[in-house]
Amino acid sequence: MTLEELQALIQKATDNYTAIKSTNESLESKARKLEEKHSALMSKYEALEQQIKDGGGNSKEVQALTKTITELQDEISDVRSDVKAPSTAFDTKEVKAAVKNVVMESVGSFLKTKNNQIDFFEYVEDTATERCKTLNISSPETGGLAVAEVLARDVLDYYRTISPILQHIGRKTSMTRNYRQLILISYPGVAEGIEAVAGTVPAETSTQTYAEIKSKEFKLYASPRITNEALYGTDISVYSDLVQLLGEEIGIYLASQVLYGDGTDKNARGILSSNRVDITNLTGESFKPTLGAGSRDHDFYPVYPTGVSADTGTDDVARVNWLLTFMRKLPQRYRANAKLYMNENTLGVYEQIRDADNRPVFRLNYMEGEPRLNGKPVVIDDTLPDIAADSTFIIYGDLAAAYAINDGDIDQMLLDPYTKKGNLIVYTEKEMFEMAQRSDAILIGAATTNGPA
């Protein structure tokens, strides 16, 4: 690539980035105003709900306010969905290659300073800005921001490949700190029609009701080491090492938080944690219905028990029947995007089931490189548990609709050349938000004798 070609491509990336940044800022401003309005309405809703619980209040006012809030939530979601990732500025392979050329120089230069007094992202932006100046790029500061975006995107792409579960959870761009959302928990009542008779007033039917769910912040960090020998390599190799090391550590930690975070302090409320799954015999929240009387807390996901401890059935017939029934328990509206999530050992259990003629009951077939069981795609993730006593070993449904995360406000990287002699430790800290979405969009299988009342 000639200097002129590099200059032209970096200029294109900078112009694209400027346009996207400008549009995003306008959308963010609009979203913030809507969210301020949403927060005020939610406070009013909570006050009215408390009045009704105390024996007063106006139920029709609550109904009208609920309608306004849900419409506002949809509007916020629509605005947020129009926000484009800055990395979309790099719209061709050539542009991406040119920008990565500059980011590799910046990252390599930063790591080789071994300076623990400067922030990584500021340094990369400044260094890339200087490089853009030498290329005579208009708005070189914006060019520096665009370059820093490349590393963030590359690390994101890499850590999502570490744990398949991370590729399937949702991303809710409207989610912020202490974000609140109303979800439907019961439908309007319907009564039999009556003849119009003078003096007869039809009885009022019940109205739909809603519950409130909230987001929670959690933090993750990574501290990979790069040896002094590796630092003397090319900018390309140093950059690749950093992306791989950060991607692996962040991916492993984030997958653990998404599945098992215990919700304490700065931990997520993981999908399979006690914050989301309660299989207490007879009274567990996860055994309660989604809608209607006695419905479960909507921060919890539904569980279908096997009825057998540490197994899915007492014999192969029972194991097959359990899986078929389990899959039919998922509401019809989520089945189009539904997938099965399990580890390799669990899949092996079903692969080994034989009929009376010793033929496999489930024959795995592959579409687009993905295994399918009973016609549905199977996502193999070895961070999911084995079949064991009371284990939640399988998930079925639309995971993106059930659980979502979003980036938070903190994204920091610092160098530590002192703690480990002969190595440079790259300390990274990141804040994220999480919340349940439609709790009935997935169904979890548990190898337990516990069950509903």
Protein backbone atom coordinates (compact mmCIF):
# COMPACT_ATOMS: atom_id res chain seq x y z
CA MET A 1 0.00 0.00 0.00
CA THR A 2 1.50 3.35 -1.06
CA LEU A 3 1.49 6.40 1.20
CA GLU A 4 -1.09 8.07 -1.05
CA GLU A 5 -3.38 5.03 -0.87
CA LEU A 6 -3.02 4.89 2.91
CA GLN A 7 -3.80 8.58 3.16
CA ALA A 8 -6.95 8.26 1.00
CA LEU A 9 -8.27 5.28 2.93
CA ILE A 10 -7.61 6.82 6.34
CA GLN A 11 -9.35 9.99 5.16
CA LYS A 12 -12.37 7.93 4.07
CA ALA A 13 -12.49 6.14 7.43
CA THR A 14 -12.27 9.49 9.24
CA ASP A 15 -15.06 11.03 7.13
CA ASN A 16 -17.29 7.98 7.68
CA TYR A 17 -16.53 8.01 11.39
CA THR A 18 -17.36 11.74 11.60
CA ALA A 19 -20.73 11.21 9.91
CA ILE A 20 -21.65 8.25 12.12
CA LYS A 21 -20.48 10.06 15.26
CA SER A 22 -22.59 13.11 14.41
CA THR A 23 -25.71 11.01 13.78
CA ASN A 24 -25.12 9.00 16.96
CA GLU A 25 -24.72 12.12 19.08
CA SER A 26 -28.07 13.42 17.83
CA LEU A 27 -29.74 10.07 18.54
CA GLU A 28 -28.11 9.83 21.97
CA SER A 29 -29.36 13.29 22.86
CA LYS A 30 -32.89 12.37 21.82
CA ALA A 31 -32.68 9.06 23.72
CA ARG A 32 -31.48 10.78 26.91
CA LYS A 33 -34.43 13.18 26.84
CA LEU A 34 -36.84 10.29 26.34
CA GLU A 35 -35.16 8.32 29.14
CA GLU A 36 -35.47 11.28 31.52
CA LYS A 37 -39.18 11.38 30.71
CA HIS A 38 -39.38 7.59 31.15
CA SER A 39 -37.68 7.78 34.57
CA ALA A 40 -40.12 10.46 35.76
CA LEU A 41 -43.12 8.42 34.56
CA MET A 42 -41.77 5.28 36.25
CA SER A 43 -41.49 7.15 39.56
CA LYS A 44 -45.08 8.31 39.15
CA TYR A 45 -46.15 4.74 38.28
CA GLU A 46 -44.49 3.34 41.40
CA ALA A 47 -46.20 5.97 43.58
CA LEU A 48 -49.62 5.15 42.08
CA GLU A 49 -49.02 1.41 42.51
CA GLN A 50 -48.21 1.99 46.18
CA GLN A 51 -51.39 4.03 46.62
CA ILE A 52 -53.45 1.14 45.21
CA LYS A 53 -51.68 -1.34 47.50
CA ASP A 54 -52.56 0.93 50.42
CA GLY A 55 -56.23 0.85 49.47
CA GLY A 56 -56.49 4.09 47.48
CA GLY A 57 -55.36 5.27 44.08
CA ASN A 58 -57.02 5.24 40.69
CA SER A 59 -56.66 2.03 38.67
CA LYS A 60 -57.70 3.73 35.41
CA GLU A 61 -54.96 6.31 35.88
CA VAL A 62 -52.46 3.46 36.33
CA GLN A 63 -53.73 1.79 33.15
CA ALA A 64 -53.36 5.00 31.14
CA LEU A 65 -49.91 5.64 32.57
CA THR A 66 -48.82 2.07 31.83
CA LYS A 67 -49.85 2.48 28.20
CA THR A 68 -47.85 5.71 27.96
CA ILE A 69 -44.79 4.10 29.55
CA THR A 70 -44.80 1.01 27.30
CA GLU A 71 -45.17 3.21 24.20
CA LEU A 72 -42.28 5.35 25.43
CA GLN A 73 -40.16 2.22 26.00
CA ASP A 74 -40.78 1.20 22.39
CA GLU A 75 -39.83 4.69 21.18
CA ILE A 76 -36.59 4.64 23.20
CA SER A 77 -35.75 1.20 21.83
CA ASP A 78 -36.37 2.40 18.26
CA VAL A 79 -34.12 5.44 18.73
CA ARG A 80 -31.36 3.39 20.35
CA SER A 81 -31.53 0.77 17.61
CA ASP A 82 -30.72 3.47 15.05
CA VAL A 83 -27.38 4.13 16.76
CA LYS A 84 -24.63 2.57 14.66
CA ALA A 85 -21.45 1.00 16.02
CA PRO A 86 -18.47 3.29 15.23
CA SER A 87 -16.73 0.33 13.59
CA THR A 88 -19.26 0.49 10.73
CA ALA A 89 -17.19 3.45 9.51
CA PHE A 90 -14.71 0.88 8.19
CA ASP A 91 -16.96 -0.24 5.38
CA THR A 92 -14.46 -2.02 3.13
CA LYS A 93 -11.57 -4.44 3.61
CA GLU A 94 -9.18 -1.81 2.30
CA VAL A 95 -10.33 0.82 4.79
CA LYS A 96 -10.10 -1.68 7.65
CA ALA A 97 -6.59 -2.68 6.61
CA ALA A 98 -5.46 0.95 6.41
CA VAL A 99 -6.84 1.85 9.82
CA LYS A 100 -5.39 -1.30 11.36
CA ASN A 101 -2.02 -0.29 9.94
CA VAL A 102 -2.13 2.84 12.09
CA VAL A 103 -3.62 1.15 15.17
CA MET A 104 -0.87 -1.49 15.16
CA GLU A 105 1.75 1.24 15.20
CA SER A 106 -0.04 3.00 18.08
CA VAL A 107 -0.56 -0.14 20.17
CA GLY A 108 3.01 -1.34 19.61
CA SER A 109 4.36 2.06 20.58
CA PHE A 110 2.22 2.18 23.74
CA LEU A 111 3.22 -1.26 24.98
CA LYS A 112 6.89 -0.58 24.40
CA THR A 113 6.78 2.57 26.57
CA LYS A 114 6.01 0.40 29.65
CA ASN A 115 4.68 3.61 31.17
CA ASN A 116 2.18 2.88 33.93
CA GLN A 117 1.20 6.53 34.36
CA ILE A 118 -0.77 6.95 31.13
CA ASP A 119 -4.14 5.67 30.00
CA PHE A 120 -4.04 3.34 27.01
CA PHE A 121 -6.96 4.75 25.06
CA GLU A 122 -5.76 8.33 25.48
CA TYR A 123 -2.26 7.34 24.32
CA VAL A 124 -3.53 5.42 21.27
CA GLU A 125 -5.80 8.29 20.29
CA ASP A 126 -2.98 10.82 20.68
CA THR A 127 -0.44 8.69 18.80
CA ALA A 128 -2.91 7.90 16.02
CA THR A 129 -3.81 11.58 15.84
CA GLU A 130 -0.17 12.48 15.28
CA ARG A 131 0.06 9.82 12.59
CA CYS A 132 -3.03 11.24 10.92
CA LYS A 133 -1.43 14.69 10.99
CA THR A 134 1.63 13.38 9.14
CA LEU A 135 -0.77 11.97 6.52
CA ASN A 136 -2.45 15.39 6.23
CA ILE A 137 -5.82 13.96 7.32
CA SER A 138 -8.46 16.59 7.99
CA SER A 139 -9.79 16.27 11.57
CA PRO A 140 -6.84 14.15 12.75
CA GLU A 141 -8.35 13.93 16.28
CA THR A 142 -11.34 12.11 14.82
CA GLY A 143 -8.92 9.84 12.96
CA GLY A 144 -7.34 9.02 16.31
CA LEU A 145 -10.73 8.06 17.76
CA ALA A 146 -11.44 5.87 14.74
CA VAL A 147 -8.13 4.06 15.21
CA ALA A 148 -8.85 3.35 18.90
CA GLU A 149 -12.19 1.86 17.86
CA VAL A 150 -10.41 -0.86 15.86
CA LEU A 151 -8.85 -2.44 18.94
CA ALA A 152 -12.15 -2.40 20.82
CA ARG A 153 -13.87 -4.10 17.88
CA ASP A 154 -11.14 -6.70 17.42
CA VAL A 155 -11.16 -7.65 21.12
CA LEU A 156 -14.98 -7.85 21.03
CA ASP A 157 -14.92 -10.11 17.97
CA TYR A 158 -12.30 -12.34 19.56
CA TYR A 159 -13.87 -12.78 23.00
CA ARG A 160 -17.25 -13.64 21.49
CA THR A 161 -15.63 -16.65 19.83
CA ILE A 162 -14.25 -17.89 23.17
CA SER A 163 -17.69 -18.72 24.57
CA PRO A 164 -20.54 -19.48 22.14
CA ILE A 165 -23.11 -18.34 24.71
CA LEU A 166 -21.84 -14.77 24.27
CA GLN A 167 -22.76 -14.87 20.59
CA HIS A 168 -26.40 -15.55 21.40
CA ILE A 169 -27.37 -13.29 24.31
CA GLY A 170 -29.01 -9.98 23.45
CA ARG A 171 -27.51 -6.51 23.24
CA LYS A 172 -29.85 -3.81 24.53
CA THR A 173 -28.39 -0.46 23.52
CA SER A 174 -31.03 1.47 25.50
CA MET A 175 -29.95 -0.15 28.77
CA THR A 176 -28.16 2.17 31.18
CA ARG A 177 -27.48 2.28 34.92
CA ASN A 178 -30.65 1.60 36.96
CA TYR A 179 -32.66 1.17 33.75
CA ARG A 180 -36.26 0.13 34.48
CA GLN A 181 -38.77 -1.53 32.19
CA LEU A 182 -42.38 -2.69 32.44
CA ILE A 183 -43.28 -6.17 31.21
CA LEU A 184 -46.70 -7.73 30.77
CA ILE A 185 -47.65 -10.36 33.39
CA SER A 186 -51.37 -10.84 32.73
CA TYR A 187 -53.71 -10.24 29.80
CA PRO A 188 -57.05 -8.37 29.84
CA GLY A 189 -60.02 -10.45 30.95
CA VAL A 190 -62.75 -11.45 28.49
CA ALA A 191 -66.38 -12.04 29.48
CA GLU A 192 -69.31 -13.65 27.69
CA GLY A 193 -71.47 -11.17 25.81
CA ILE A 194 -74.99 -10.45 27.06
CA GLU A 195 -78.16 -9.14 25.49
CA ALA A 196 -78.72 -5.41 25.82
CA VAL A 197 -81.38 -5.17 28.54
CA ALA A 198 -82.52 -1.86 29.94
CA GLY A 199 -81.01 -1.25 33.37
CA THR A 200 -78.34 -3.95 32.94
CA VAL A 201 -74.72 -2.84 33.10
CA PRO A 202 -72.07 -5.36 31.93
CA ALA A 203 -69.56 -6.24 34.61
CA GLU A 204 -66.12 -4.71 34.18
CA THR A 205 -63.49 -7.24 33.12
CA SER A 206 -59.96 -7.36 34.49
CA THR A 207 -57.25 -5.38 32.73
CA GLN A 208 -53.71 -6.38 31.80
CA THR A 209 -51.11 -5.97 34.54
CA TYR A 210 -47.40 -5.27 34.42
CA ALA A 211 -44.31 -5.89 36.52
CA GLU A 212 -41.11 -3.86 36.70
CA ILE A 213 -37.63 -5.23 36.01
CA LYS A 214 -34.34 -3.38 36.49
CA SER A 215 -30.84 -3.47 35.07
CA LYS A 216 -27.73 -4.10 37.16
CA GLU A 217 -24.14 -3.04 36.57
CA PHE A 218 -21.24 -5.46 36.79
CA LYS A 219 -17.52 -5.17 36.19
CA LEU A 220 -15.00 -7.39 34.51
CA TYR A 221 -11.28 -7.14 34.23
CA ALA A 222 -8.38 -8.84 32.49
CA SER A 223 -4.66 -8.71 33.20
CA PRO A 224 -2.80 -10.69 30.52
CA ARG A 225 0.99 -10.74 30.38
CA ILE A 226 3.18 -9.99 27.38
CA THR A 227 6.79 -11.08 27.70
CA ASN A 228 9.61 -8.63 27.12
CA GLU A 229 10.79 -10.82 24.24
CA ALA A 230 7.39 -10.54 22.54
CA LEU A 231 7.51 -6.74 22.85
CA TYR A 232 10.54 -6.67 20.56
CA GLY A 233 8.50 -8.28 17.76
CA THR A 234 6.75 -6.42 14.98
CA ASP A 235 3.77 -4.16 15.64
CA ILE A 236 1.64 -6.81 13.94
CA SER A 237 2.69 -9.61 16.30
CA VAL A 238 2.42 -7.40 19.42
CA TYR A 239 -1.05 -6.29 18.35
CA SER A 240 -2.16 -9.87 17.63
CA ASP A 241 -0.82 -11.05 21.00
CA LEU A 242 -2.68 -8.29 22.83
CA VAL A 243 -6.00 -8.94 21.05
CA GLN A 244 -5.74 -12.67 21.68
CA LEU A 245 -4.76 -12.34 25.34
CA LEU A 246 -7.41 -9.73 26.13
CA GLY A 247 -10.04 -11.60 24.13
CA GLU A 248 -9.42 -14.88 25.93
CA GLU A 249 -9.43 -13.42 29.44
CA ILE A 250 -12.43 -11.16 28.89
CA GLY A 251 -14.37 -13.89 27.08
CA ILE A 252 -13.86 -16.47 29.82
CA TYR A 253 -14.75 -14.04 32.60
CA LEU A 254 -17.76 -12.55 30.80
CA ALA A 255 -19.19 -15.99 29.98
CA SER A 256 -18.84 -16.95 33.65
CA GLN A 257 -20.67 -13.79 34.71
CA VAL A 258 -23.45 -14.19 32.15
CA LEU A 259 -24.11 -17.78 33.25
CA TYR A 260 -23.16 -17.93 36.91
CA GLY A 261 -22.62 -14.41 38.31
CA ASP A 262 -24.08 -14.36 41.83
CA GLY A 263 -25.39 -10.79 41.73
CA THR A 264 -23.38 -9.61 44.73
CA ASP A 265 -21.48 -6.32 44.61
CA LYS A 266 -20.14 -5.86 41.05
CA ASN A 267 -21.23 -9.27 39.73
CA ALA A 268 -23.90 -9.97 37.14
CA ARG A 269 -27.07 -11.93 37.91
CA GLY A 270 -26.21 -14.95 35.79
CA ILE A 271 -28.80 -16.87 33.79
CA LEU A 272 -28.23 -20.07 35.80
CA SER A 273 -27.52 -18.41 39.16
CA SER A 274 -29.83 -18.41 42.16
CA ASN A 275 -30.84 -14.87 41.15
CA ARG A 276 -32.47 -16.23 37.99
CA VAL A 277 -33.27 -19.87 38.79
CA ASP A 278 -35.08 -21.08 41.93
CA ILE A 279 -35.88 -24.81 42.04
CA THR A 280 -36.79 -25.04 45.71
CA ASN A 281 -39.16 -27.99 45.97
CA LEU A 282 -42.86 -26.98 45.79
CA THR A 283 -42.23 -23.23 46.21
CA GLY A 284 -39.49 -22.40 43.69
CA GLU A 285 -40.12 -19.29 41.58
CA SER A 286 -38.96 -21.14 38.46
CA PHE A 287 -41.80 -23.66 38.81
CA LYS A 288 -44.50 -20.95 38.79
CA PRO A 289 -46.43 -19.91 35.64
CA THR A 290 -45.43 -16.91 33.54
CA LEU A 291 -48.86 -15.25 33.58
CA GLY A 292 -51.92 -15.20 35.78
CA ALA A 293 -52.50 -16.01 39.44
CA GLY A 294 -49.41 -17.09 41.32
CA SER A 295 -47.11 -16.02 38.48
CA ARG A 296 -43.39 -16.02 39.14
CA ASP A 297 -41.07 -13.10 39.75
CA HIS A 298 -40.05 -12.09 36.23
CA ASP A 299 -36.38 -11.83 37.12
CA PHE A 300 -36.53 -15.65 37.24
CA TYR A 301 -36.59 -18.08 34.32
CA PRO A 302 -38.93 -21.09 34.08
CA VAL A 303 -37.52 -24.56 34.76
CA TYR A 304 -38.85 -27.94 33.65
CA PRO A 305 -37.59 -30.73 35.95
CA THR A 306 -36.62 -34.21 34.78
CA GLY A 307 -38.20 -35.83 37.85
CA VAL A 308 -35.00 -37.87 38.28
CA SER A 309 -31.93 -36.77 40.19
CA ALA A 310 -28.79 -36.53 38.03
CA ASP A 311 -30.53 -37.93 34.93
CA THR A 312 -33.14 -37.03 32.33
CA GLY A 313 -35.11 -40.25 32.80
CA THR A 314 -35.01 -43.72 34.29
CA ASP A 315 -34.45 -45.34 30.88
CA ASP A 316 -33.97 -44.37 27.23
CA VAL A 317 -37.70 -44.18 26.54
CA ALA A 318 -38.16 -41.79 29.45
CA ARG A 319 -35.15 -39.72 28.35
CA VAL A 320 -36.55 -39.31 24.85
CA ASN A 321 -40.02 -38.46 26.15
CA TRP A 322 -38.60 -35.88 28.55
CA LEU A 323 -36.70 -34.04 25.81
CA LEU A 324 -39.70 -33.99 23.46
CA THR A 325 -42.00 -32.71 26.21
CA PHE A 326 -39.41 -30.19 27.38
CA MET A 327 -39.13 -28.67 23.90
CA ARG A 328 -42.91 -28.44 23.52
CA LYS A 329 -43.16 -26.47 26.77
CA LEU A 330 -41.58 -23.42 25.13
CA PRO A 331 -44.26 -20.93 24.01
CA GLN A 332 -44.93 -21.15 20.28
CA ARG A 333 -44.02 -17.51 19.61
CA TYR A 334 -40.35 -18.12 20.51
CA ARG A 335 -39.79 -21.34 18.58
CA ALA A 336 -38.83 -19.75 15.25
CA ASN A 337 -35.55 -18.47 16.75
CA ALA A 338 -35.16 -21.17 19.39
CA LYS A 339 -31.93 -23.12 19.87
CA LEU A 340 -30.76 -25.80 22.27
CA TYR A 341 -27.79 -24.89 24.50
CA MET A 342 -25.80 -27.67 26.18
CA ASN A 343 -22.28 -28.99 26.59
CA GLU A 344 -20.68 -31.81 24.60
CA ASN A 345 -21.33 -34.42 27.29
CA THR A 346 -25.06 -33.67 27.38
CA LEU A 347 -25.29 -33.91 23.60
CA GLY A 348 -23.48 -37.25 23.84
CA VAL A 349 -26.19 -38.61 26.14
CA TYR A 350 -28.82 -38.06 23.43
CA GLU A 351 -26.58 -39.26 20.61
CA GLN A 352 -26.15 -42.61 22.41
CA ILE A 353 -29.85 -43.32 22.94
CA ARG A 354 -30.89 -46.40 20.93
CA ASP A 355 -34.23 -47.90 19.98
CA ALA A 356 -35.23 -51.56 20.34
CA ASP A 357 -33.24 -52.41 17.19
CA ASN A 358 -30.14 -50.64 18.51
CA ARG A 359 -30.51 -47.74 16.06
CA PRO A 360 -29.88 -44.12 17.18
CA VAL A 361 -33.13 -42.38 18.07
CA PHE A 362 -31.66 -38.95 17.42
CA ARG A 363 -29.60 -38.63 14.27
CA LEU A 364 -27.68 -35.38 14.26
CA ASN A 365 -27.75 -33.53 10.98
CA TYR A 366 -25.83 -30.40 10.12
CA MET A 367 -27.01 -27.20 8.47
CA GLU A 368 -24.47 -24.43 7.85
CA GLY A 369 -22.00 -26.30 10.05
CA GLU A 370 -24.38 -26.34 13.03
CA PRO A 371 -25.62 -29.63 14.57
CA ARG A 372 -29.37 -30.10 14.89
CA LEU A 373 -31.20 -32.23 17.42
CA ASN A 374 -34.89 -32.98 16.91
CA GLY A 375 -34.84 -30.38 14.12
CA LYS A 376 -33.45 -27.54 16.23
CA PRO A 377 -29.93 -26.00 16.15
CA VAL A 378 -27.63 -27.07 19.00
CA VAL A 379 -25.11 -24.62 20.44
CA ILE A 380 -22.30 -26.48 22.17
CA ASP A 381 -20.84 -24.51 25.06
CA ASP A 382 -18.61 -26.37 27.49
CA THR A 383 -19.08 -23.70 30.16
CA LEU A 384 -22.59 -25.12 30.65
CA PRO A 385 -22.89 -27.79 33.39
CA ASP A 386 -23.00 -31.57 32.99
CA ILE A 387 -26.08 -33.59 33.87
CA ALA A 388 -25.77 -33.94 37.67
CA ALA A 389 -27.99 -33.76 40.73
CA ASP A 390 -30.06 -30.54 40.56
CA SER A 391 -27.93 -29.19 37.67
CA THR A 392 -29.46 -26.87 35.08
CA PHE A 393 -27.86 -28.67 32.16
CA ILE A 394 -29.83 -27.49 29.13
CA ILE A 395 -31.42 -24.28 27.86
CA TYR A 396 -33.94 -24.09 25.03
CA GLY A 397 -35.35 -20.97 23.46
CA ASP A 398 -34.54 -17.53 22.09
CA LEU A 399 -31.67 -16.46 24.34
CA ALA A 400 -31.36 -12.98 22.79
CA ALA A 401 -34.97 -12.26 23.77
CA ALA A 402 -34.46 -13.55 27.32
CA TYR A 403 -31.25 -11.87 28.50
CA ALA A 404 -29.37 -8.76 27.42
CA ILE A 405 -26.19 -6.88 28.23
CA ASN A 406 -24.77 -3.51 27.27
CA ASP A 407 -21.49 -1.64 27.67
CA GLY A 408 -21.17 0.65 30.67
CA ASP A 409 -19.30 3.87 31.32
CA ILE A 410 -15.93 2.49 32.42
CA ASP A 411 -13.40 1.23 29.86
CA GLN A 412 -9.82 1.55 31.06
CA MET A 413 -6.45 -0.01 30.25
CA LEU A 414 -3.19 0.52 32.16
CA LEU A 415 0.29 -1.00 32.02
CA ASP A 416 2.15 -2.67 34.91
CA PRO A 417 5.82 -3.40 34.07
CA TYR A 418 6.82 -4.00 37.71
CA THR A 419 4.73 -6.79 39.28
CA LYS A 420 6.09 -9.65 37.18
CA LYS A 421 9.75 -9.39 36.20
CA GLY A 422 10.36 -9.92 32.48
CA ASN A 423 6.67 -9.36 31.65
CA LEU A 424 4.37 -6.46 30.92
CA ILE A 425 0.94 -6.87 32.54
CA VAL A 426 -1.87 -5.14 30.64
CA TYR A 427 -4.65 -4.39 33.15
CA THR A 428 -8.07 -3.79 31.61
CA GLU A 429 -11.26 -2.88 33.47
CA LYS A 430 -14.69 -2.67 31.88
CA GLU A 431 -18.18 -1.95 33.20
CA MET A 432 -21.30 -3.56 31.73
CA PHE A 433 -25.05 -3.70 32.42
CA GLU A 434 -27.38 -6.73 32.35
CA MET A 435 -31.06 -7.48 32.78
CA ALA A 436 -33.64 -10.16 32.10
CA GLN A 437 -35.97 -9.51 29.17
CA ARG A 438 -38.83 -11.87 28.34
CA SER A 439 -38.33 -14.51 30.99
CA ASP A 440 -40.50 -17.05 29.16
CA ALA A 441 -38.37 -16.80 25.97
CA ILE A 442 -36.20 -19.64 27.31
CA LEU A 443 -36.89 -22.80 29.26
CA ILE A 444 -34.23 -24.42 31.44
CA GLY A 445 -34.02 -28.15 32.10
CA ALA A 446 -32.96 -29.32 35.58
CA ALA A 447 -31.98 -32.86 36.59
CA THR A 448 -33.94 -32.77 39.81
CA THR A 449 -36.76 -34.49 41.68
CA ASN A 450 -37.96 -31.09 42.90
CA GLY A 451 -41.05 -29.67 41.28
CA PRO A 452 -44.07 -27.41 41.60
CA ALA A 453 -46.72 -27.78 44.27
